[in-house]
């Protein structure tokens, strides 16, 4: 069922401030009947459906979509988004537009990468570096353990040498590291 021009004005006004009496007055109803007409209009199925449909559209327009969020992150990352800051000057206050900071750009980049897990070149590079560091640490631990074992063996030889009369050469050639 279609709405009349008066009903369309009522719907528009009602959506603007959610006041049925005021919407009825703005739609052209008389002051004497505006309160009753506003309440009655809200009970009519076609007007109620029109209000519900428009409210649903407004709500969906107010909530950012995923693509919109990703586009904003991209503008921050590229330095296209500007931040307006009020600074005090000798002549009063002045607004200045600043580019996003490096910290903000990095945060936007991280947020974008979270949403594109298939784009893992950076992640693979980080994982490769971590694996290499772990392997190097394991090698260092093995080397330190071997050196400790050698030192223990030398210490044992020295303590055993004290009880016997023999000469033990511990380190006749210095190591070049």
N, C-alpha and C. Protein backbone atom coordinates (compact mmCIF):
# COMPACT_ATOMS: atom_id res chain seq x y z
N UNK A 1 0.84 -1.18 0.00
CA UNK A 1 0.00 0.00 0.00
C UNK A 1 0.89 1.24 0.00
N UNK A 2 0.62 2.17 -0.86
CA UNK A 2 1.44 3.37 -1.01
C UNK A 2 1.06 4.42 0.02
N UNK A 3 2.02 5.29 0.31
CA UNK A 3 1.78 6.37 1.27
C UNK A 3 1.35 7.63 0.53
N UNK A 4 0.49 8.41 1.19
CA UNK A 4 0.11 9.71 0.64
C UNK A 4 1.25 10.68 0.89
N UNK A 5 1.18 11.85 0.28
CA UNK A 5 2.22 12.87 0.47
C UNK A 5 2.29 13.28 1.94
N UNK A 6 1.14 13.41 2.58
CA UNK A 6 1.08 13.79 3.99
C UNK A 6 1.73 12.71 4.86
N UNK A 7 1.45 11.44 4.53
CA UNK A 7 2.02 10.33 5.30
C UNK A 7 3.54 10.26 5.10
N UNK A 8 4.01 10.53 3.88
CA UNK A 8 5.46 10.55 3.63
C UNK A 8 6.14 11.63 4.46
N UNK A 9 5.52 12.82 4.52
CA UNK A 9 6.07 13.90 5.35
C UNK A 9 6.09 13.48 6.81
N UNK A 10 5.02 12.81 7.24
CA UNK A 10 4.96 12.34 8.62
C UNK A 10 6.12 11.37 8.91
N UNK A 11 6.33 10.42 8.01
CA UNK A 11 7.42 9.44 8.18
C UNK A 11 8.76 10.15 8.24
N UNK A 12 9.01 11.08 7.32
CA UNK A 12 10.28 11.82 7.31
C UNK A 12 10.50 12.57 8.62
N UNK A 13 9.47 13.28 9.07
CA UNK A 13 9.58 14.06 10.31
C UNK A 13 9.73 13.16 11.52
N UNK A 14 8.98 12.06 11.54
CA UNK A 14 9.05 11.15 12.68
C UNK A 14 10.45 10.53 12.79
N UNK A 15 11.03 10.19 11.67
CA UNK A 15 12.38 9.59 11.69
C UNK A 15 13.41 10.61 12.17
N UNK A 16 13.19 11.88 11.87
CA UNK A 16 14.14 12.92 12.27
C UNK A 16 14.22 13.08 13.78
N UNK A 17 13.08 13.05 14.50
CA UNK A 17 13.16 13.29 15.95
C UNK A 17 12.31 12.35 16.81
N UNK A 18 11.66 11.36 16.23
CA UNK A 18 10.87 10.36 16.96
C UNK A 18 9.76 10.97 17.82
N UNK A 19 9.20 12.09 17.37
CA UNK A 19 8.09 12.72 18.08
C UNK A 19 6.89 12.71 17.15
N UNK A 20 5.88 11.89 17.47
CA UNK A 20 4.72 11.72 16.58
C UNK A 20 3.90 12.99 16.46
N UNK A 21 3.69 13.72 17.55
CA UNK A 21 2.88 14.95 17.50
C UNK A 21 3.57 16.00 16.63
N UNK A 22 4.85 16.19 16.86
CA UNK A 22 5.61 17.16 16.07
C UNK A 22 5.63 16.75 14.59
N UNK A 23 5.80 15.46 14.33
CA UNK A 23 5.81 14.96 12.95
C UNK A 23 4.46 15.22 12.28
N UNK A 24 3.37 15.04 13.03
CA UNK A 24 2.04 15.29 12.47
C UNK A 24 1.85 16.78 12.15
N UNK A 25 2.33 17.65 13.03
CA UNK A 25 2.24 19.09 12.77
C UNK A 25 3.03 19.46 11.51
N UNK A 26 4.26 18.93 11.40
CA UNK A 26 5.09 19.24 10.24
C UNK A 26 4.52 18.64 8.95
N UNK A 27 3.76 17.56 9.08
CA UNK A 27 3.16 16.94 7.90
C UNK A 27 1.91 17.69 7.43
N UNK A 28 1.40 18.60 8.27
CA UNK A 28 0.26 19.40 7.85
C UNK A 28 -1.03 19.14 8.61
N UNK A 29 -0.98 18.35 9.66
CA UNK A 29 -2.18 18.13 10.47
C UNK A 29 -2.40 19.37 11.34
N UNK A 30 -3.63 19.61 11.75
CA UNK A 30 -3.94 20.80 12.56
C UNK A 30 -3.42 20.60 13.98
N UNK A 31 -3.20 21.71 14.69
CA UNK A 31 -2.71 21.64 16.07
C UNK A 31 -3.69 20.87 16.95
N UNK A 32 -4.97 21.02 16.67
CA UNK A 32 -6.00 20.40 17.48
C UNK A 32 -5.98 18.87 17.35
N UNK A 33 -5.65 18.35 16.18
CA UNK A 33 -5.70 16.90 15.94
C UNK A 33 -4.32 16.25 15.82
N UNK A 34 -3.26 17.02 15.92
CA UNK A 34 -1.91 16.50 15.68
C UNK A 34 -1.55 15.36 16.62
N UNK A 35 -1.89 15.50 17.90
CA UNK A 35 -1.51 14.47 18.87
C UNK A 35 -2.21 13.14 18.53
N UNK A 36 -3.49 13.20 18.28
CA UNK A 36 -4.25 12.00 17.94
C UNK A 36 -3.80 11.42 16.60
N UNK A 37 -3.62 12.30 15.60
CA UNK A 37 -3.22 11.83 14.26
C UNK A 37 -1.84 11.18 14.29
N UNK A 38 -0.92 11.75 15.08
CA UNK A 38 0.42 11.18 15.20
C UNK A 38 0.38 9.78 15.79
N UNK A 39 -0.37 9.62 16.88
CA UNK A 39 -0.49 8.31 17.52
C UNK A 39 -1.18 7.32 16.59
N UNK A 40 -2.21 7.78 15.90
CA UNK A 40 -2.94 6.90 14.98
C UNK A 40 -2.05 6.46 13.82
N UNK A 41 -1.27 7.41 13.28
CA UNK A 41 -0.38 7.07 12.16
C UNK A 41 0.62 5.98 12.54
N UNK A 42 1.07 6.00 13.77
CA UNK A 42 2.04 4.99 14.22
C UNK A 42 1.41 3.59 14.30
N UNK A 43 0.10 3.51 14.33
CA UNK A 43 -0.56 2.20 14.38
C UNK A 43 -0.92 1.67 13.00
N UNK A 44 -0.86 2.52 11.99
CA UNK A 44 -1.22 2.09 10.62
C UNK A 44 -0.09 1.22 10.07
N UNK A 45 -0.42 0.03 9.56
CA UNK A 45 0.60 -0.92 9.10
C UNK A 45 1.51 -0.36 8.00
N UNK A 46 0.94 0.37 7.04
CA UNK A 46 1.79 0.87 5.94
C UNK A 46 2.76 1.94 6.43
N UNK A 47 2.33 2.81 7.34
CA UNK A 47 3.22 3.84 7.88
C UNK A 47 4.27 3.20 8.79
N UNK A 48 3.82 2.27 9.62
CA UNK A 48 4.76 1.56 10.51
C UNK A 48 5.82 0.82 9.69
N UNK A 49 5.41 0.17 8.61
CA UNK A 49 6.35 -0.55 7.76
C UNK A 49 7.34 0.41 7.10
N UNK A 50 6.84 1.57 6.66
CA UNK A 50 7.72 2.57 6.03
C UNK A 50 8.74 3.09 7.03
N UNK A 51 8.30 3.34 8.27
CA UNK A 51 9.22 3.82 9.31
C UNK A 51 10.26 2.74 9.62
N UNK A 52 9.81 1.50 9.79
CA UNK A 52 10.74 0.39 10.09
C UNK A 52 11.77 0.20 8.99
N UNK A 53 11.32 0.27 7.74
CA UNK A 53 12.23 0.08 6.61
C UNK A 53 13.26 1.20 6.55
N UNK A 54 12.82 2.43 6.76
CA UNK A 54 13.74 3.57 6.74
C UNK A 54 14.73 3.51 7.90
N UNK A 55 14.25 3.11 9.06
CA UNK A 55 15.14 2.99 10.22
C UNK A 55 16.19 1.91 9.98
N UNK A 56 15.78 0.82 9.35
CA UNK A 56 16.72 -0.26 9.05
C UNK A 56 17.80 0.24 8.10
N UNK A 57 17.39 1.02 7.09
CA UNK A 57 18.36 1.59 6.14
C UNK A 57 19.31 2.54 6.84
N UNK A 58 18.76 3.38 7.73
CA UNK A 58 19.60 4.32 8.46
C UNK A 58 20.61 3.59 9.33
N UNK A 59 20.15 2.57 10.02
CA UNK A 59 21.05 1.81 10.89
C UNK A 59 22.16 1.17 10.08
N UNK A 60 21.83 0.61 8.93
CA UNK A 60 22.87 -0.03 8.13
C UNK A 60 23.83 1.01 7.56
N UNK A 61 23.36 2.23 7.35
CA UNK A 61 24.24 3.29 6.87
C UNK A 61 25.16 3.81 7.97
N UNK A 62 24.71 3.71 9.23
CA UNK A 62 25.50 4.21 10.34
C UNK A 62 26.63 3.27 10.73
N UNK A 63 26.47 1.99 10.45
CA UNK A 63 27.48 1.00 10.83
C UNK A 63 28.45 0.80 9.67
N UNK A 64 29.72 0.95 9.97
CA UNK A 64 30.75 0.82 8.94
C UNK A 64 30.84 -0.63 8.46
N UNK A 65 30.95 -0.79 7.19
CA UNK A 65 31.13 -2.12 6.59
C UNK A 65 32.62 -2.47 6.65
N UNK A 66 32.92 -3.74 6.49
CA UNK A 66 34.31 -4.20 6.55
C UNK A 66 35.16 -3.52 5.48
N UNK A 67 34.62 -3.36 4.29
CA UNK A 67 35.38 -2.73 3.21
C UNK A 67 35.70 -1.28 3.56
N UNK A 68 34.76 -0.60 4.19
CA UNK A 68 34.98 0.80 4.58
C UNK A 68 36.09 0.90 5.63
N UNK A 69 36.09 -0.01 6.58
CA UNK A 69 37.12 -0.03 7.62
C UNK A 69 38.49 -0.28 6.99
N UNK A 70 38.55 -1.25 6.08
CA UNK A 70 39.82 -1.56 5.41
C UNK A 70 40.31 -0.39 4.58
N UNK A 71 39.38 0.32 3.93
CA UNK A 71 39.77 1.50 3.15
C UNK A 71 40.34 2.57 4.06
N UNK A 72 39.74 2.75 5.23
CA UNK A 72 40.25 3.75 6.17
C UNK A 72 41.65 3.37 6.65
N UNK A 73 41.83 2.09 7.02
CA UNK A 73 43.16 1.64 7.44
C UNK A 73 44.18 1.92 6.34
N UNK A 74 43.78 1.72 5.10
CA UNK A 74 44.69 1.95 3.97
C UNK A 74 45.03 3.43 3.85
N UNK A 75 44.05 4.32 4.03
CA UNK A 75 44.34 5.76 3.94
C UNK A 75 45.28 6.19 5.06
N UNK A 76 45.14 5.59 6.24
CA UNK A 76 46.05 5.91 7.34
C UNK A 76 47.45 5.39 7.01
N UNK A 77 47.53 4.16 6.53
CA UNK A 77 48.81 3.55 6.19
C UNK A 77 49.56 4.37 5.14
N UNK A 78 48.84 4.86 4.16
CA UNK A 78 49.45 5.64 3.08
C UNK A 78 49.68 7.10 3.44
N UNK A 79 49.20 7.53 4.59
CA UNK A 79 49.38 8.91 5.00
C UNK A 79 48.38 9.86 4.37
N UNK A 80 47.31 9.34 3.79
CA UNK A 80 46.31 10.19 3.14
C UNK A 80 45.32 10.76 4.15
N UNK A 81 45.07 10.05 5.25
CA UNK A 81 44.16 10.54 6.29
C UNK A 81 44.86 11.65 7.06
N UNK A 82 44.13 12.65 7.44
CA UNK A 82 44.69 13.78 8.18
C UNK A 82 44.04 13.86 9.55
N UNK A 83 44.82 14.29 10.52
CA UNK A 83 44.31 14.49 11.87
C UNK A 83 44.36 15.98 12.16
N UNK A 84 43.23 16.55 12.53
CA UNK A 84 43.17 17.98 12.83
C UNK A 84 43.45 18.18 14.30
N UNK A 85 44.43 19.04 14.58
CA UNK A 85 44.83 19.32 15.95
C UNK A 85 44.70 20.83 16.17
N UNK A 86 44.21 21.20 17.34
CA UNK A 86 44.11 22.61 17.71
C UNK A 86 45.37 22.97 18.49
N UNK A 87 46.09 23.98 18.02
CA UNK A 87 47.30 24.44 18.70
C UNK A 87 47.11 25.90 19.10
N UNK A 88 47.72 26.25 20.22
CA UNK A 88 47.61 27.64 20.65
C UNK A 88 48.75 28.44 20.03
N UNK A 89 48.41 29.62 19.58
CA UNK A 89 49.38 30.54 18.99
C UNK A 89 49.29 31.86 19.74
N UNK A 90 50.22 32.76 19.54
CA UNK A 90 50.13 34.06 20.20
C UNK A 90 48.83 34.80 19.84
N UNK A 91 48.26 34.49 18.68
CA UNK A 91 47.03 35.16 18.24
C UNK A 91 45.77 34.42 18.67
N UNK A 92 45.89 33.30 19.36
CA UNK A 92 44.73 32.51 19.76
C UNK A 92 44.94 31.04 19.43
N UNK A 93 43.88 30.37 19.04
CA UNK A 93 43.96 28.95 18.69
C UNK A 93 43.88 28.80 17.18
N UNK A 94 44.58 27.80 16.68
CA UNK A 94 44.61 27.55 15.24
C UNK A 94 44.54 26.04 15.02
N UNK A 95 43.81 25.64 14.00
CA UNK A 95 43.74 24.20 13.71
C UNK A 95 44.78 23.86 12.64
N UNK A 96 45.46 22.74 12.88
CA UNK A 96 46.53 22.29 11.99
C UNK A 96 46.23 20.85 11.61
N UNK A 97 46.40 20.52 10.33
CA UNK A 97 46.21 19.14 9.87
C UNK A 97 47.55 18.43 9.84
N UNK A 98 47.61 17.31 10.52
CA UNK A 98 48.84 16.51 10.57
C UNK A 98 48.64 15.19 9.85
N UNK A 99 49.73 14.68 9.28
CA UNK A 99 49.73 13.34 8.70
C UNK A 99 49.73 12.34 9.85
N UNK A 100 49.30 11.11 9.60
CA UNK A 100 49.35 10.10 10.65
C UNK A 100 50.80 9.84 11.07
N UNK A 101 50.99 9.56 12.36
CA UNK A 101 52.33 9.27 12.85
C UNK A 101 52.78 7.90 12.35
N UNK A 102 54.06 7.64 12.48
CA UNK A 102 54.60 6.34 12.09
C UNK A 102 53.93 5.24 12.92
N UNK A 103 53.71 5.52 14.20
CA UNK A 103 53.05 4.55 15.08
C UNK A 103 51.65 4.23 14.57
N UNK A 104 50.90 5.27 14.18
CA UNK A 104 49.54 5.05 13.65
C UNK A 104 49.58 4.28 12.34
N UNK A 105 50.55 4.57 11.50
CA UNK A 105 50.67 3.87 10.22
C UNK A 105 51.00 2.39 10.45
N UNK A 106 51.89 2.13 11.40
CA UNK A 106 52.25 0.75 11.71
C UNK A 106 51.04 -0.01 12.25
N UNK A 107 50.27 0.64 13.12
CA UNK A 107 49.08 -0.01 13.68
C UNK A 107 48.07 -0.32 12.56
N UNK A 108 47.89 0.61 11.64
CA UNK A 108 46.97 0.38 10.52
C UNK A 108 47.48 -0.77 9.65
N UNK A 109 48.78 -0.82 9.43
CA UNK A 109 49.36 -1.91 8.65
C UNK A 109 49.15 -3.26 9.31
N UNK A 110 49.33 -3.30 10.65
CA UNK A 110 49.11 -4.55 11.38
C UNK A 110 47.65 -4.99 11.26
N UNK A 111 46.74 -4.03 11.40
CA UNK A 111 45.31 -4.35 11.31
C UNK A 111 44.97 -4.89 9.92
N UNK A 112 45.56 -4.30 8.89
CA UNK A 112 45.31 -4.78 7.53
C UNK A 112 45.86 -6.19 7.35
N UNK A 113 47.07 -6.44 7.85
CA UNK A 113 47.68 -7.77 7.71
C UNK A 113 46.88 -8.84 8.44
N UNK A 114 46.24 -8.47 9.55
CA UNK A 114 45.42 -9.43 10.28
C UNK A 114 44.26 -9.92 9.42
N UNK A 115 43.78 -9.05 8.56
CA UNK A 115 42.60 -9.37 7.77
C UNK A 115 42.94 -10.04 6.45
N UNK A 116 44.22 -10.11 6.12
CA UNK A 116 44.66 -10.78 4.90
C UNK A 116 45.67 -11.86 5.23
N UNK A 117 45.22 -12.96 5.84
CA UNK A 117 46.18 -14.00 6.24
C UNK A 117 46.87 -14.66 5.06
N UNK A 118 46.30 -14.59 3.87
CA UNK A 118 46.92 -15.19 2.69
C UNK A 118 48.15 -14.43 2.24
N UNK A 119 48.29 -13.20 2.69
CA UNK A 119 49.42 -12.36 2.32
C UNK A 119 50.48 -12.51 3.40
N UNK A 120 51.16 -13.69 3.43
CA UNK A 120 52.06 -13.98 4.53
C UNK A 120 53.54 -13.88 4.18
N UNK A 121 53.93 -13.07 3.24
CA UNK A 121 55.36 -12.91 2.96
C UNK A 121 56.07 -12.35 4.18
N UNK A 122 55.48 -11.33 4.79
CA UNK A 122 56.08 -10.73 5.98
C UNK A 122 56.10 -11.74 7.12
N UNK A 123 55.01 -12.46 7.30
CA UNK A 123 54.93 -13.46 8.35
C UNK A 123 55.97 -14.56 8.14
N UNK A 124 56.12 -15.02 6.90
CA UNK A 124 57.12 -16.05 6.59
C UNK A 124 58.53 -15.56 6.87
N UNK A 125 58.81 -14.30 6.54
CA UNK A 125 60.13 -13.73 6.80
C UNK A 125 60.39 -13.69 8.31
N UNK A 126 59.38 -13.28 9.08
CA UNK A 126 59.53 -13.24 10.53
C UNK A 126 59.73 -14.63 11.10
N UNK A 127 58.96 -15.60 10.62
CA UNK A 127 59.10 -16.97 11.11
C UNK A 127 60.47 -17.56 10.77
N UNK A 128 60.95 -17.29 9.56
CA UNK A 128 62.27 -17.76 9.15
C UNK A 128 63.35 -17.19 10.07
N UNK A 129 63.25 -15.90 10.40
CA UNK A 129 64.22 -15.26 11.29
C UNK A 129 64.16 -15.89 12.68
N UNK A 130 62.96 -16.14 13.17
CA UNK A 130 62.80 -16.74 14.50
C UNK A 130 63.40 -18.15 14.52
N UNK A 131 63.13 -18.94 13.49
CA UNK A 131 63.67 -20.31 13.41
C UNK A 131 65.19 -20.27 13.35
N UNK A 132 65.75 -19.36 12.56
CA UNK A 132 67.20 -19.22 12.47
C UNK A 132 67.80 -18.85 13.82
N UNK A 133 67.15 -17.92 14.53
CA UNK A 133 67.63 -17.52 15.85
C UNK A 133 67.59 -18.69 16.84
N UNK A 134 66.53 -19.49 16.77
CA UNK A 134 66.41 -20.65 17.67
C UNK A 134 67.52 -21.66 17.38
N UNK A 135 67.78 -21.93 16.11
CA UNK A 135 68.84 -22.88 15.75
C UNK A 135 70.20 -22.38 16.19
N UNK A 136 70.44 -21.07 16.06
CA UNK A 136 71.71 -20.49 16.50
C UNK A 136 71.85 -20.62 18.01
N UNK A 137 70.78 -20.38 18.73
CA UNK A 137 70.81 -20.49 20.18
C UNK A 137 71.09 -21.93 20.60
N UNK A 138 70.46 -22.90 19.93
CA UNK A 138 70.72 -24.32 20.22
C UNK A 138 72.19 -24.66 19.99
N UNK A 139 72.76 -24.15 18.90
CA UNK A 139 74.18 -24.40 18.60
C UNK A 139 75.06 -23.78 19.68
N UNK A 140 74.72 -22.57 20.12
CA UNK A 140 75.49 -21.91 21.18
C UNK A 140 75.42 -22.71 22.48
N UNK A 141 74.25 -23.27 22.78
CA UNK A 141 74.10 -24.08 24.00
C UNK A 141 74.96 -25.33 23.90
N UNK A 142 74.95 -26.01 22.74
CA UNK A 142 75.78 -27.21 22.56
C UNK A 142 77.26 -26.87 22.71
N UNK A 143 77.68 -25.74 22.14
CA UNK A 143 79.08 -25.32 22.22
C UNK A 143 79.47 -25.04 23.67
N UNK A 144 78.59 -24.33 24.39
CA UNK A 144 78.87 -24.00 25.79
C UNK A 144 78.95 -25.26 26.64
N UNK A 145 78.05 -26.21 26.37
CA UNK A 145 78.06 -27.48 27.12
C UNK A 145 79.36 -28.25 26.85
N UNK A 146 79.80 -28.27 25.59
CA UNK A 146 81.05 -28.97 25.24
C UNK A 146 82.23 -28.30 25.93
N UNK A 147 82.26 -26.97 25.93
CA UNK A 147 83.35 -26.25 26.59
C UNK A 147 83.35 -26.53 28.10
N UNK A 148 82.16 -26.60 28.69
CA UNK A 148 82.06 -26.90 30.12
C UNK A 148 82.57 -28.31 30.41
N UNK A 149 82.24 -29.26 29.55
CA UNK A 149 82.72 -30.63 29.72
C UNK A 149 84.25 -30.68 29.64
N UNK A 150 84.82 -29.93 28.70
CA UNK A 150 86.29 -29.89 28.55
C UNK A 150 86.92 -29.29 29.80
N UNK A 151 86.33 -28.22 30.31
CA UNK A 151 86.87 -27.57 31.51
C UNK A 151 86.80 -28.52 32.71
N UNK A 152 85.71 -29.28 32.81
CA UNK A 152 85.59 -30.25 33.90
C UNK A 152 86.67 -31.33 33.78
N UNK A 153 86.89 -31.79 32.57
CA UNK A 153 87.92 -32.82 32.35
C UNK A 153 89.30 -32.27 32.71
N UNK A 154 89.59 -31.04 32.33
CA UNK A 154 90.88 -30.43 32.67
C UNK A 154 91.02 -30.26 34.18
N UNK A 155 89.93 -29.84 34.83
CA UNK A 155 89.97 -29.67 36.29
C UNK A 155 90.21 -31.00 36.98
N UNK A 156 89.59 -32.04 36.47
CA UNK A 156 89.77 -33.37 37.05
C UNK A 156 91.22 -33.83 36.87
N UNK A 157 91.79 -33.58 35.68
CA UNK A 157 93.19 -33.94 35.45
C UNK A 157 94.11 -33.21 36.42
N UNK A 158 93.81 -31.93 36.66
CA UNK A 158 94.66 -31.15 37.57
C UNK A 158 94.55 -31.66 39.00
N UNK A 159 93.34 -31.97 39.42
CA UNK A 159 93.19 -32.47 40.80
C UNK A 159 93.82 -33.85 40.94
N UNK A 160 93.69 -34.66 39.91
CA UNK A 160 94.34 -35.97 39.94
C UNK A 160 95.85 -35.81 39.86
N UNK A 161 96.33 -34.79 39.16
CA UNK A 161 97.76 -34.56 39.00
C UNK A 161 98.40 -34.15 40.30
N UNK A 162 97.63 -33.49 41.18
CA UNK A 162 98.18 -33.08 42.47
C UNK A 162 98.54 -34.29 43.33
N UNK A 163 97.77 -35.34 43.18
CA UNK A 163 98.04 -36.54 43.96
C UNK A 163 99.17 -37.37 43.36
N UNK A 164 99.51 -37.13 42.11
CA UNK A 164 100.58 -37.86 41.45
C UNK A 164 101.64 -36.86 41.01
N UNK A 165 102.85 -37.37 40.83
CA UNK A 165 103.92 -36.50 40.37
C UNK A 165 104.07 -36.62 38.88
N UNK A 166 103.31 -35.82 38.15
CA UNK A 166 103.47 -35.78 36.70
C UNK A 166 103.11 -34.39 36.21
N UNK A 167 103.55 -34.07 35.04
CA UNK A 167 103.32 -32.76 34.45
C UNK A 167 102.16 -32.86 33.47
N UNK A 168 101.22 -31.91 33.60
CA UNK A 168 100.06 -31.88 32.70
C UNK A 168 100.08 -30.53 31.99
N UNK A 169 100.10 -30.60 30.68
CA UNK A 169 100.03 -29.37 29.88
C UNK A 169 98.55 -29.11 29.61
N UNK A 170 98.02 -28.05 30.19
CA UNK A 170 96.59 -27.77 30.08
C UNK A 170 96.27 -27.03 28.79
N UNK A 171 97.01 -25.97 28.51
CA UNK A 171 96.69 -25.18 27.32
C UNK A 171 97.99 -24.61 26.79
N UNK A 172 98.63 -25.37 25.92
CA UNK A 172 99.91 -24.90 25.42
C UNK A 172 99.79 -24.00 24.20
N UNK A 173 98.65 -24.07 23.49
CA UNK A 173 98.46 -23.22 22.31
C UNK A 173 97.21 -22.38 22.54
N UNK A 174 97.33 -21.06 22.52
CA UNK A 174 96.13 -20.23 22.73
C UNK A 174 95.16 -20.38 21.55
N UNK A 175 93.86 -20.36 21.88
CA UNK A 175 92.82 -20.48 20.85
C UNK A 175 92.58 -19.13 20.20
N UNK A 176 92.37 -19.15 18.89
CA UNK A 176 92.01 -17.93 18.17
C UNK A 176 90.51 -17.97 17.92
N UNK A 177 89.78 -17.05 18.49
CA UNK A 177 88.32 -17.02 18.28
C UNK A 177 87.95 -16.02 17.25
